[in-house]
Amino acid sequence: MQEYRFYLQISYLAFKSYYDDVAHYIEVTSECGQLLRIHARHFIGFLTHQGIQGLFVLNLSAEGTVVSLSKQIVA
């Protein structure tokens, strides 16, 4: 299993355009420099009126499918 950490900050309206129909994937760069394309549906549970903001951890299977996506609490 592969683990990637990345920071994401996106407004509600910008995210809505990704989720609705403009572009279904959000591109982020992990802390180790890896470019990741993650389907917007994986972020729905983190969406607030302000958008999505925070440090996330993405776990992928050996085949590259999403196993888990979690938001980390930054102290």
Protein backbone atom coordinates (compact mmCIF):
# COMPACT_ATOMS: atom_id res chain seq x y z
CA MET A 1 0.00 0.00 0.00
CA GLN A 2 1.22 3.48 -0.85
CA GLU A 3 0.59 6.52 1.35
CA TYR A 4 0.64 10.15 0.21
CA ARG A 5 0.23 13.31 2.28
CA PHE A 6 -0.87 16.59 0.69
CA TYR A 7 -2.44 19.93 1.55
CA LEU A 8 -5.60 21.05 -0.23
CA GLN A 9 -7.38 24.39 -0.12
CA ILE A 10 -10.27 24.88 -2.52
CA SER A 11 -13.37 27.06 -2.30
CA TYR A 12 -16.89 25.65 -2.29
CA LEU A 13 -17.66 27.06 -5.75
CA ALA A 14 -14.41 25.82 -7.25
CA PHE A 15 -15.01 22.35 -5.84
CA LYS A 16 -18.59 22.35 -7.10
CA SER A 17 -17.32 22.92 -10.64
CA TYR A 18 -15.01 19.90 -10.29
CA TYR A 19 -17.75 17.72 -8.89
CA ASP A 20 -20.58 18.79 -11.19
CA ASP A 21 -19.18 18.55 -14.68
CA VAL A 22 -16.22 20.72 -15.58
CA ALA A 23 -13.38 18.47 -14.43
CA HIS A 24 -14.00 15.42 -12.30
CA TYR A 25 -10.44 15.08 -10.98
CA ILE A 26 -8.55 17.28 -8.55
CA GLU A 27 -4.79 17.43 -9.02
CA VAL A 28 -2.59 17.86 -5.97
CA THR A 29 1.12 17.49 -5.30
CA SER A 30 2.05 15.28 -2.37
CA GLU A 31 4.66 16.28 0.19
CA CYS A 32 7.16 14.04 -1.63
CA GLY A 33 6.52 15.79 -4.97
CA GLN A 34 4.25 13.18 -6.57
CA LEU A 35 1.44 14.58 -8.74
CA LEU A 36 -1.87 12.91 -7.83
CA ARG A 37 -5.19 12.97 -9.72
CA ILE A 38 -8.02 12.15 -7.33
CA HIS A 39 -11.67 11.93 -8.30
CA ALA A 40 -13.70 14.69 -6.65
CA ARG A 41 -16.19 12.20 -5.21
CA HIS A 42 -13.60 11.17 -2.62
CA PHE A 43 -13.69 14.67 -1.08
CA ILE A 44 -17.48 15.08 -0.65
CA GLY A 45 -17.38 14.17 3.05
CA PHE A 46 -14.89 16.98 3.72
CA LEU A 47 -16.85 19.75 1.96
CA THR A 48 -18.13 22.68 4.04
CA HIS A 49 -19.65 26.03 3.09
CA GLN A 50 -16.09 27.40 3.03
CA GLY A 51 -14.86 24.63 0.75
CA ILE A 52 -12.20 22.05 1.55
CA GLN A 53 -9.06 22.89 3.44
CA GLY A 54 -6.54 20.80 5.30
CA LEU A 55 -3.82 18.21 5.32
CA PHE A 56 -4.92 14.86 3.89
CA VAL A 57 -3.53 11.33 3.78
CA LEU A 58 -4.35 9.17 0.77
CA ASN A 59 -3.76 5.42 0.82
CA LEU A 60 -3.69 3.56 -2.49
CA SER A 61 -3.69 -0.16 -3.19
CA ALA A 62 -0.93 -1.77 -5.23
CA GLU A 63 -3.24 -1.38 -8.24
CA GLY A 64 -3.59 2.38 -7.64
CA THR A 65 -7.17 2.44 -6.36
CA VAL A 66 -8.16 4.55 -3.37
CA VAL A 67 -8.22 2.54 -0.14
CA SER A 68 -8.76 5.51 2.17
CA LEU A 69 -8.63 9.29 2.32
CA SER A 70 -8.50 11.00 5.69
CA LYS A 71 -8.05 14.54 6.94
CA GLN A 72 -5.31 15.07 9.48
CA ILE A 73 -5.64 17.38 12.46
CA VAL A 74 -2.76 19.83 12.49
CA ALA A 75 -1.66 20.89 15.96
